[in-house]
Amino acid sequence: MRYVVCVKQVPETSDVRINPETHTLIREGAAAILNPFDNYAIEEALRMREKLGGKVTVLTMGPPQAEAVLREAIAMGADEGILVSDRAFAGSDTWATSYTLAMAIRKIGDASVILCGKQASDGDTAQVGPGIAAHLELPQVTYVRKIEAMDEHRLVAERLLENGYEAIETPLPCVLTVVKELNEPRLPSLKGKLAAKKAVLTHWKAEDLACDPRLIGLDGSPTKVVKIFTPPPRAGGQVLTGEPDAVVTQLVEKLKDAVLAAGR
């Protein structure tokens, strides 16, 4: 069994800077951390290995400094880390990113379960995990809050919904995106930290993955950011006072005026 966990290095602060020309994140000089949701994906992969045996491989796409999140995962107990890094990947949107990660997973070759955090804290799109599943043509279960049953051929997962959950059975291999309700991530041990410090990480470039150059980086991204701006602050609301019937009448009139104004 091979468990591949896709992780991301994200800015530690929500006060991110944007390049005004490329409309991409400026990562230089900003403190970075492992995407918080990815901790739960790593922990679940470790639990799967403890139950069924196998190997946990942690994969990330990013600049050279993204090595840090791979070593953090190894300190938690992952077996190996792979960094996919190339200037050709710069400016990738979620579709190009998921394509690149899918190509890396194909190169790994024997993944039984691919796990991702439900979303990254810097983009909040929740699109990369499903994108990987689409590129690899694998079944997926998103927003996983519990693994009910699992063996070498299938698993049953509870998927979190707005008003409850649903249980889904899927064959392996498959892609899972997980939520924080799934588990409690372990802290790295001293032995794990020493192993992480000494670990030799694998580095792959675009040519190592045989990526189609038309599908990677800024040029291979079907979505483009054309404008970034700070929305204006919300204006203060209006409090209606009086008897309930009178307040309802005032509110209806104001809603009518707003609808008419929007239609002009």
C-alpha atoms as a PDB file:
ATOM      1  CA  MET A   1       0.000   0.000   0.000  1.00  0.00           C
ATOM      2  CA  ARG A   2       1.254   3.478  -0.872  1.00  0.00           C
ATOM      3  CA  TYR A   3      -0.349   6.598   0.567  1.00  0.00           C
ATOM      4  CA  VAL A   4       0.492   9.844  -1.220  1.00  0.00           C
ATOM      5  CA  VAL A   5      -0.252  13.041   0.678  1.00  0.00           C
ATOM      6  CA  CYS A   6      -0.274  16.289  -1.326  1.00  0.00           C
ATOM      7  CA  VAL A   7       0.700  19.245   0.860  1.00  0.00           C
ATOM      8  CA  LYS A   8       1.351  22.934   0.329  1.00  0.00           C
ATOM      9  CA  GLN A   9       3.493  25.625   1.906  1.00  0.00           C
ATOM     10  CA  VAL A  10       1.366  28.720   2.571  1.00  0.00           C
ATOM     11  CA  PRO A  11       1.988  32.195   4.022  1.00  0.00           C
ATOM     12  CA  GLU A  12       1.796  32.245   7.806  1.00  0.00           C
ATOM     13  CA  THR A  13      -0.185  35.477   7.778  1.00  0.00           C
ATOM     14  CA  SER A  14      -3.374  36.473   6.013  1.00  0.00           C
ATOM     15  CA  ASP A  15      -1.692  39.764   5.069  1.00  0.00           C
ATOM     16  CA  VAL A  16      -0.381  38.479   1.739  1.00  0.00           C
ATOM     17  CA  ARG A  17       1.219  40.624  -0.949  1.00  0.00           C
ATOM     18  CA  ILE A  18       0.291  40.398  -4.619  1.00  0.00           C
ATOM     19  CA  ASN A  19       2.550  41.103  -7.592  1.00  0.00           C
ATOM     20  CA  PRO A  20       0.743  43.938  -9.431  1.00  0.00           C
ATOM     21  CA  GLU A  21       1.935  42.709 -12.848  1.00  0.00           C
ATOM     22  CA  THR A  22       1.428  38.938 -12.636  1.00  0.00           C
ATOM     23  CA  HIS A  23      -1.345  39.020  -9.972  1.00  0.00           C
ATOM     24  CA  THR A  24       0.348  36.111  -8.184  1.00  0.00           C
ATOM     25  CA  LEU A  25       1.398  35.801  -4.542  1.00  0.00           C
ATOM     26  CA  ILE A  26       4.728  37.319  -3.535  1.00  0.00           C
ATOM     27  CA  ARG A  27       6.240  34.596  -1.359  1.00  0.00           C
ATOM     28  CA  GLU A  28       9.731  36.034  -0.944  1.00  0.00           C
ATOM     29  CA  GLY A  29      10.362  37.377   2.538  1.00  0.00           C
ATOM     30  CA  ALA A  30       7.082  36.042   3.924  1.00  0.00           C
ATOM     31  CA  ALA A  31       7.047  33.519   6.768  1.00  0.00           C
ATOM     32  CA  ALA A  32       5.598  30.218   5.575  1.00  0.00           C
ATOM     33  CA  ILE A  33       4.014  27.167   7.214  1.00  0.00           C
ATOM     34  CA  LEU A  34       2.469  23.843   6.282  1.00  0.00           C
ATOM     35  CA  ASN A  35      -1.115  24.395   5.172  1.00  0.00           C
ATOM     36  CA  PRO A  36      -3.100  23.654   8.369  1.00  0.00           C
ATOM     37  CA  PHE A  37      -5.625  21.333   6.668  1.00  0.00           C
ATOM     38  CA  ASP A  38      -2.781  19.175   5.327  1.00  0.00           C
ATOM     39  CA  ASN A  39      -1.839  18.119   8.861  1.00  0.00           C
ATOM     40  CA  TYR A  40      -5.029  16.055   9.020  1.00  0.00           C
ATOM     41  CA  ALA A  41      -4.262  14.401   5.673  1.00  0.00           C
ATOM     42  CA  ILE A  42      -0.772  13.436   6.875  1.00  0.00           C
ATOM     43  CA  GLU A  43      -2.123  12.067  10.146  1.00  0.00           C
ATOM     44  CA  GLU A  44      -4.732   9.954   8.387  1.00  0.00           C
ATOM     45  CA  ALA A  45      -2.136   8.507   5.996  1.00  0.00           C
ATOM     46  CA  LEU A  46      -0.003   7.532   8.995  1.00  0.00           C
ATOM     47  CA  ARG A  47      -2.997   5.824  10.609  1.00  0.00           C
ATOM     48  CA  MET A  48      -3.724   3.926   7.393  1.00  0.00           C
ATOM     49  CA  ARG A  49      -0.116   2.722   7.304  1.00  0.00           C
ATOM     50  CA  GLU A  50      -0.326   1.621  10.934  1.00  0.00           C
ATOM     51  CA  LYS A  51      -3.444  -0.422  10.159  1.00  0.00           C
ATOM     52  CA  LEU A  52      -2.624  -1.909   6.753  1.00  0.00           C
ATOM     53  CA  GLY A  53       1.127  -1.406   6.336  1.00  0.00           C
ATOM     54  CA  GLY A  54       2.780   0.304   3.404  1.00  0.00           C
ATOM     55  CA  LYS A  55       4.545   3.606   2.785  1.00  0.00           C
ATOM     56  CA  VAL A  56       3.616   7.265   3.208  1.00  0.00           C
ATOM     57  CA  THR A  57       4.964   9.606   0.529  1.00  0.00           C
ATOM     58  CA  VAL A  58       4.475  13.352   0.925  1.00  0.00           C
ATOM     59  CA  LEU A  59       4.396  15.425  -2.262  1.00  0.00           C
ATOM     60  CA  THR A  60       4.489  19.180  -2.715  1.00  0.00           C
ATOM     61  CA  MET A  61       4.807  21.604  -5.608  1.00  0.00           C
ATOM     62  CA  GLY A  62       6.517  24.895  -4.870  1.00  0.00           C
ATOM     63  CA  PRO A  63       9.772  26.850  -4.634  1.00  0.00           C
ATOM     64  CA  PRO A  64      12.920  25.276  -3.135  1.00  0.00           C
ATOM     65  CA  GLN A  65      12.043  26.519   0.365  1.00  0.00           C
ATOM     66  CA  ALA A  66       8.955  24.269   0.301  1.00  0.00           C
ATOM     67  CA  GLU A  67      11.340  21.521   1.416  1.00  0.00           C
ATOM     68  CA  ALA A  68      10.501  22.677   4.939  1.00  0.00           C
ATOM     69  CA  VAL A  69       6.948  21.270   4.835  1.00  0.00           C
ATOM     70  CA  LEU A  70       8.227  17.930   3.555  1.00  0.00           C
ATOM     71  CA  ARG A  71      10.635  17.688   6.472  1.00  0.00           C
ATOM     72  CA  GLU A  72       7.826  18.596   8.846  1.00  0.00           C
ATOM     73  CA  ALA A  73       5.769  15.711   7.468  1.00  0.00           C
ATOM     74  CA  ILE A  74       8.717  13.327   7.800  1.00  0.00           C
ATOM     75  CA  ALA A  75       9.134  14.474  11.404  1.00  0.00           C
ATOM     76  CA  MET A  76       5.516  13.410  11.975  1.00  0.00           C
ATOM     77  CA  GLY A  77       6.314   9.962  10.577  1.00  0.00           C
ATOM     78  CA  ALA A  78       6.101  10.072   6.764  1.00  0.00           C
ATOM     79  CA  ASP A  79       8.571   7.822   4.950  1.00  0.00           C
ATOM     80  CA  GLU A  80       9.716  10.128   2.153  1.00  0.00           C
ATOM     81  CA  GLY A  81       9.208  13.552   0.592  1.00  0.00           C
ATOM     82  CA  ILE A  82       9.132  14.684  -3.026  1.00  0.00           C
ATOM     83  CA  LEU A  83       9.482  18.312  -4.113  1.00  0.00           C
ATOM     84  CA  VAL A  84       8.219  19.273  -7.560  1.00  0.00           C
ATOM     85  CA  SER A  85       9.892  22.577  -8.345  1.00  0.00           C
ATOM     86  CA  ASP A  86      10.589  24.351 -11.621  1.00  0.00           C
ATOM     87  CA  ARG A  87      10.313  27.917 -12.868  1.00  0.00           C
ATOM     88  CA  ALA A  88       8.111  26.496 -15.592  1.00  0.00           C
ATOM     89  CA  PHE A  89       5.406  25.920 -12.955  1.00  0.00           C
ATOM     90  CA  ALA A  90       5.292  29.581 -11.839  1.00  0.00           C
ATOM     91  CA  GLY A  91       1.860  31.161 -11.974  1.00  0.00           C
ATOM     92  CA  SER A  92      -0.052  27.864 -12.146  1.00  0.00           C
ATOM     93  CA  ASP A  93      -3.740  28.071 -11.326  1.00  0.00           C
ATOM     94  CA  THR A  94      -5.534  25.201  -9.600  1.00  0.00           C
ATOM     95  CA  TRP A  95      -6.041  23.276 -12.850  1.00  0.00           C
ATOM     96  CA  ALA A  96      -2.378  23.474 -13.886  1.00  0.00           C
ATOM     97  CA  THR A  97      -1.311  22.668 -10.324  1.00  0.00           C
ATOM     98  CA  SER A  98      -3.529  19.583 -10.152  1.00  0.00           C
ATOM     99  CA  TYR A  99      -2.225  18.457 -13.567  1.00  0.00           C
ATOM    100  CA  THR A 100       1.377  18.778 -12.389  1.00  0.00           C
ATOM    101  CA  LEU A 101       0.703  16.907  -9.143  1.00  0.00           C
ATOM    102  CA  ALA A 102      -1.166  14.210 -11.079  1.00  0.00           C
ATOM    103  CA  MET A 103       1.849  13.749 -13.347  1.00  0.00           C
ATOM    104  CA  ALA A 104       4.049  13.384 -10.262  1.00  0.00           C
ATOM    105  CA  ILE A 105       1.664  10.800  -8.785  1.00  0.00           C
ATOM    106  CA  ARG A 106       1.776   8.875 -12.065  1.00  0.00           C
ATOM    107  CA  LYS A 107       5.565   8.861 -11.812  1.00  0.00           C
ATOM    108  CA  ILE A 108       5.345   7.529  -8.239  1.00  0.00           C
ATOM    109  CA  GLY A 109       3.290   4.824  -9.832  1.00  0.00           C
ATOM    110  CA  ASP A 110       1.575   2.706  -7.182  1.00  0.00           C
ATOM    111  CA  ALA A 111      -0.583   5.031  -5.086  1.00  0.00           C
ATOM    112  CA  SER A 112      -3.437   3.297  -3.257  1.00  0.00           C
ATOM    113  CA  VAL A 113      -4.878   6.405  -1.592  1.00  0.00           C
ATOM    114  CA  ILE A 114      -4.137  10.042  -2.421  1.00  0.00           C
ATOM    115  CA  LEU A 115      -4.957  12.442   0.405  1.00  0.00           C
ATOM    116  CA  CYS A 116      -5.221  16.241   0.417  1.00  0.00           C
ATOM    117  CA  GLY A 117      -6.389  18.813   2.919  1.00  0.00           C
ATOM    118  CA  LYS A 118      -9.822  20.079   1.889  1.00  0.00           C
ATOM    119  CA  GLN A 119      -8.333  23.401   0.777  1.00  0.00           C
ATOM    120  CA  ALA A 120      -5.303  25.661   1.097  1.00  0.00           C
ATOM    121  CA  SER A 121      -5.513  28.593   3.494  1.00  0.00           C
ATOM    122  CA  ASP A 122      -4.090  31.037   0.928  1.00  0.00           C
ATOM    123  CA  GLY A 123      -6.404  30.218  -1.983  1.00  0.00           C
ATOM    124  CA  ASP A 124      -9.456  28.633  -0.290  1.00  0.00           C
ATOM    125  CA  THR A 125     -10.601  27.105  -3.598  1.00  0.00           C
ATOM    126  CA  ALA A 126     -10.811  23.407  -2.580  1.00  0.00           C
ATOM    127  CA  GLN A 127     -10.188  22.591  -6.264  1.00  0.00           C
ATOM    128  CA  VAL A 128      -6.773  20.895  -6.372  1.00  0.00           C
ATOM    129  CA  GLY A 129      -7.821  17.587  -4.809  1.00  0.00           C
ATOM    130  CA  PRO A 130     -10.789  17.106  -7.175  1.00  0.00           C
ATOM    131  CA  GLY A 131      -8.557  18.290 -10.036  1.00  0.00           C
ATOM    132  CA  ILE A 132      -6.036  15.543  -9.278  1.00  0.00           C
ATOM    133  CA  ALA A 133      -8.853  12.990  -9.304  1.00  0.00           C
ATOM    134  CA  ALA A 134     -10.050  14.310 -12.672  1.00  0.00           C
ATOM    135  CA  HIS A 135      -6.590  14.163 -14.263  1.00  0.00           C
ATOM    136  CA  LEU A 136      -5.968  10.647 -12.931  1.00  0.00           C
ATOM    137  CA  GLU A 137      -9.545   9.516 -13.688  1.00  0.00           C
ATOM    138  CA  LEU A 138      -9.935   8.211 -10.131  1.00  0.00           C
ATOM    139  CA  PRO A 139     -12.965   8.171  -7.812  1.00  0.00           C
ATOM    140  CA  GLN A 140     -12.930  10.866  -5.150  1.00  0.00           C
ATOM    141  CA  VAL A 141     -14.551  11.579  -1.808  1.00  0.00           C
ATOM    142  CA  THR A 142     -14.353  15.183  -0.623  1.00  0.00           C
ATOM    143  CA  TYR A 143     -14.710  16.668   2.884  1.00  0.00           C
ATOM    144  CA  VAL A 144     -13.994  13.335   4.570  1.00  0.00           C
ATOM    145  CA  ARG A 145     -14.661  13.470   8.308  1.00  0.00           C
ATOM    146  CA  LYS A 146     -14.262   9.760   9.157  1.00  0.00           C
ATOM    147  CA  ILE A 147     -12.957   6.520   7.664  1.00  0.00           C
ATOM    148  CA  GLU A 148     -15.506   3.876   8.661  1.00  0.00           C
ATOM    149  CA  ALA A 149     -13.827   0.857   7.077  1.00  0.00           C
ATOM    150  CA  MET A 150     -10.840   0.141   4.846  1.00  0.00           C
ATOM    151  CA  ASP A 151      -8.947  -2.785   3.370  1.00  0.00           C
ATOM    152  CA  GLU A 152      -6.562  -3.294   0.443  1.00  0.00           C
ATOM    153  CA  HIS A 153      -9.354  -2.946  -2.117  1.00  0.00           C
ATOM    154  CA  ARG A 154     -11.914  -0.411  -0.883  1.00  0.00           C
ATOM    155  CA  LEU A 155     -12.818   2.049   1.835  1.00  0.00           C
ATOM    156  CA  VAL A 156     -15.958   3.565   3.308  1.00  0.00           C
ATOM    157  CA  ALA A 157     -15.782   7.229   4.276  1.00  0.00           C
ATOM    158  CA  GLU A 158     -18.184   9.674   5.878  1.00  0.00           C
ATOM    159  CA  ARG A 159     -18.410  12.873   3.855  1.00  0.00           C
ATOM    160  CA  LEU A 160     -19.307  16.080   5.694  1.00  0.00           C
ATOM    161  CA  LEU A 161     -22.351  17.962   4.399  1.00  0.00           C
ATOM    162  CA  GLU A 162     -23.880  21.276   5.439  1.00  0.00           C
ATOM    163  CA  ASN A 163     -26.672  19.550   7.355  1.00  0.00           C
ATOM    164  CA  GLY A 164     -25.170  16.148   8.181  1.00  0.00           C
ATOM    165  CA  TYR A 165     -23.033  13.567   6.441  1.00  0.00           C
ATOM    166  CA  GLU A 166     -23.210  10.741   3.919  1.00  0.00           C
ATOM    167  CA  ALA A 167     -21.343   7.429   3.843  1.00  0.00           C
ATOM    168  CA  ILE A 168     -19.641   6.622   0.540  1.00  0.00           C
ATOM    169  CA  GLU A 169     -17.915   3.390  -0.478  1.00  0.00           C
ATOM    170  CA  THR A 170     -15.169   3.665  -3.083  1.00  0.00           C
ATOM    171  CA  PRO A 171     -12.701   1.247  -4.613  1.00  0.00           C
ATOM    172  CA  LEU A 172      -8.961   1.868  -4.398  1.00  0.00           C
ATOM    173  CA  PRO A 173      -7.076   3.731  -5.695  1.00  0.00           C
ATOM    174  CA  CYS A 174      -8.992   6.890  -4.878  1.00  0.00           C
ATOM    175  CA  VAL A 175      -8.544  10.538  -3.903  1.00  0.00           C
ATOM    176  CA  LEU A 176      -9.695  11.914  -0.537  1.00  0.00           C
ATOM    177  CA  THR A 177      -9.866  15.508   0.662  1.00  0.00           C
ATOM    178  CA  VAL A 178     -10.173  15.726   4.427  1.00  0.00           C
ATOM    179  CA  VAL A 179     -11.536  18.094   7.062  1.00  0.00           C
ATOM    180  CA  LYS A 180     -10.278  18.803  10.569  1.00  0.00           C
ATOM    181  CA  GLU A 181     -12.990  16.670  12.199  1.00  0.00           C
ATOM    182  CA  LEU A 182     -11.214  13.569  10.853  1.00  0.00           C
ATOM    183  CA  ASN A 183      -8.515  13.241  13.515  1.00  0.00           C
ATOM    184  CA  GLU A 184      -6.079  14.946  15.875  1.00  0.00           C
ATOM    185  CA  PRO A 185      -2.645  15.302  14.234  1.00  0.00           C
ATOM    186  CA  ARG A 186       0.264  13.954  16.256  1.00  0.00           C
ATOM    187  CA  LEU A 187       3.234  16.073  17.298  1.00  0.00           C
ATOM    188  CA  PRO A 188       6.648  15.245  15.817  1.00  0.00           C
ATOM    189  CA  SER A 189       8.839  13.114  18.084  1.00  0.00           C
ATOM    190  CA  LEU A 190      12.509  13.837  18.765  1.00  0.00           C
ATOM    191  CA  LYS A 191      13.395  10.772  16.699  1.00  0.00           C
ATOM    192  CA  GLY A 192      11.187  12.056  13.907  1.00  0.00           C
ATOM    193  CA  LYS A 193      12.809  15.490  13.947  1.00  0.00           C
ATOM    194  CA  LEU A 194      16.267  13.937  13.700  1.00  0.00           C
ATOM    195  CA  ALA A 195      15.117  11.739  10.815  1.00  0.00           C
ATOM    196  CA  ALA A 196      13.598  14.746   9.049  1.00  0.00           C
ATOM    197  CA  LYS A 197      16.825  16.714   9.371  1.00  0.00           C
ATOM    198  CA  LYS A 198      18.844  13.916   7.771  1.00  0.00           C
ATOM    199  CA  ALA A 199      16.269  12.889   5.155  1.00  0.00           C
ATOM    200  CA  VAL A 200      17.295  13.025   1.506  1.00  0.00           C
ATOM    201  CA  LEU A 201      14.411  14.508  -0.451  1.00  0.00           C
ATOM    202  CA  THR A 202      13.582  13.744  -4.062  1.00  0.00           C
ATOM    203  CA  HIS A 203      13.483  16.703  -6.478  1.00  0.00           C
ATOM    204  CA  TRP A 204      11.601  16.589  -9.779  1.00  0.00           C
ATOM    205  CA  LYS A 205      11.397  19.194 -12.537  1.00  0.00           C
ATOM    206  CA  ALA A 206       8.940  19.497 -15.411  1.00  0.00           C
ATOM    207  CA  GLU A 207      11.114  17.389 -17.694  1.00  0.00           C
ATOM    208  CA  ASP A 208      11.288  14.612 -15.082  1.00  0.00           C
ATOM    209  CA  LEU A 209       7.492  14.373 -15.145  1.00  0.00           C
ATOM    210  CA  ALA A 210       7.169  14.547 -18.948  1.00  0.00           C
ATOM    211  CA  CYS A 211       4.704  17.410 -18.518  1.00  0.00           C
ATOM    212  CA  ASP A 212       3.084  18.912 -21.578  1.00  0.00           C
ATOM    213  CA  PRO A 213       4.516  22.488 -21.568  1.00  0.00           C
ATOM    214  CA  ARG A 214       1.184  23.799 -22.818  1.00  0.00           C
ATOM    215  CA  LEU A 215      -0.524  22.648 -19.609  1.00  0.00           C
ATOM    216  CA  ILE A 216       1.765  24.023 -16.901  1.00  0.00           C
ATOM    217  CA  GLY A 217       2.570  27.400 -15.412  1.00  0.00           C
ATOM    218  CA  LEU A 218       0.888  30.675 -16.203  1.00  0.00           C
ATOM    219  CA  ASP A 219       0.487  29.925 -19.918  1.00  0.00           C
ATOM    220  CA  GLY A 220      -1.102  26.559 -19.167  1.00  0.00           C
ATOM    221  CA  SER A 221      -3.639  27.983 -16.717  1.00  0.00           C
ATOM    222  CA  PRO A 222      -7.156  28.363 -18.156  1.00  0.00           C
ATOM    223  CA  THR A 223      -8.117  30.894 -15.475  1.00  0.00           C
ATOM    224  CA  LYS A 224      -6.471  34.297 -15.270  1.00  0.00           C
ATOM    225  CA  VAL A 225      -6.524  36.932 -12.533  1.00  0.00           C
ATOM    226  CA  VAL A 226      -7.191  40.191 -14.377  1.00  0.00           C
ATOM    227  CA  LYS A 227      -7.790  42.462 -11.407  1.00  0.00           C
ATOM    228  CA  ILE A 228      -7.257  42.416  -7.643  1.00  0.00           C
ATOM    229  CA  PHE A 229      -8.752  45.034  -5.346  1.00  0.00           C
ATOM    230  CA  THR A 230      -9.814  45.556  -1.767  1.00  0.00           C
ATOM    231  CA  PRO A 231     -13.606  45.689  -1.493  1.00  0.00           C
ATOM    232  CA  PRO A 232     -15.015  48.886   0.014  1.00  0.00           C
ATOM    233  CA  PRO A 233     -16.001  48.702   3.679  1.00  0.00           C
ATOM    234  CA  ARG A 234     -19.624  47.964   4.371  1.00  0.00           C
ATOM    235  CA  ALA A 235     -21.770  50.977   5.114  1.00  0.00           C
ATOM    236  CA  GLY A 236     -23.577  51.115   8.422  1.00  0.00           C
ATOM    237  CA  GLY A 237     -26.997  49.525   8.475  1.00  0.00           C
ATOM    238  CA  GLN A 238     -30.269  51.172   9.388  1.00  0.00           C
ATOM    239  CA  VAL A 239     -32.275  50.150  12.446  1.00  0.00           C
ATOM    240  CA  LEU A 240     -36.045  50.274  12.048  1.00  0.00           C
ATOM    241  CA  THR A 241     -37.968  51.008  15.219  1.00  0.00           C
ATOM    242  CA  GLY A 242     -41.609  51.036  16.181  1.00  0.00           C
ATOM    243  CA  GLU A 243     -44.471  48.575  16.400  1.00  0.00           C
ATOM    244  CA  PRO A 244     -43.913  45.254  14.549  1.00  0.00           C
ATOM    245  CA  ASP A 245     -46.572  45.928  11.901  1.00  0.00           C
ATOM    246  CA  ALA A 246     -45.128  49.383  11.191  1.00  0.00           C
ATOM    247  CA  VAL A 247     -41.582  48.036  10.993  1.00  0.00           C
ATOM    248  CA  VAL A 248     -42.677  45.348   8.500  1.00  0.00           C
ATOM    249  CA  THR A 249     -44.337  48.001   6.325  1.00  0.00           C
ATOM    250  CA  GLN A 250     -41.181  50.157   6.399  1.00  0.00           C
ATOM    251  CA  LEU A 251     -39.020  47.176   5.530  1.00  0.00           C
ATOM    252  CA  VAL A 252     -41.209  46.150   2.580  1.00  0.00           C
ATOM    253  CA  GLU A 253     -41.128  49.686   1.174  1.00  0.00           C
ATOM    254  CA  LYS A 254     -37.349  49.866   1.481  1.00  0.00           C
ATOM    255  CA  LEU A 255     -36.958  46.479  -0.257  1.00  0.00           C
ATOM    256  CA  LYS A 256     -39.219  47.670  -3.092  1.00  0.00           C
ATOM    257  CA  ASP A 257     -37.127  50.827  -3.490  1.00  0.00           C
ATOM    258  CA  ALA A 258     -33.927  48.764  -3.550  1.00  0.00           C
ATOM    259  CA  VAL A 259     -35.289  46.397  -6.215  1.00  0.00           C
ATOM    260  CA  LEU A 260     -36.476  49.303  -8.381  1.00  0.00           C
ATOM    261  CA  ALA A 261     -33.138  51.066  -8.011  1.00  0.00           C
ATOM    262  CA  ALA A 262     -31.234  47.911  -9.027  1.00  0.00           C
ATOM    263  CA  GLY A 263     -33.402  47.524 -12.132  1.00  0.00           C
ATOM    264  CA  ARG A 264     -32.760  51.008 -13.461  1.00  0.00           C
END
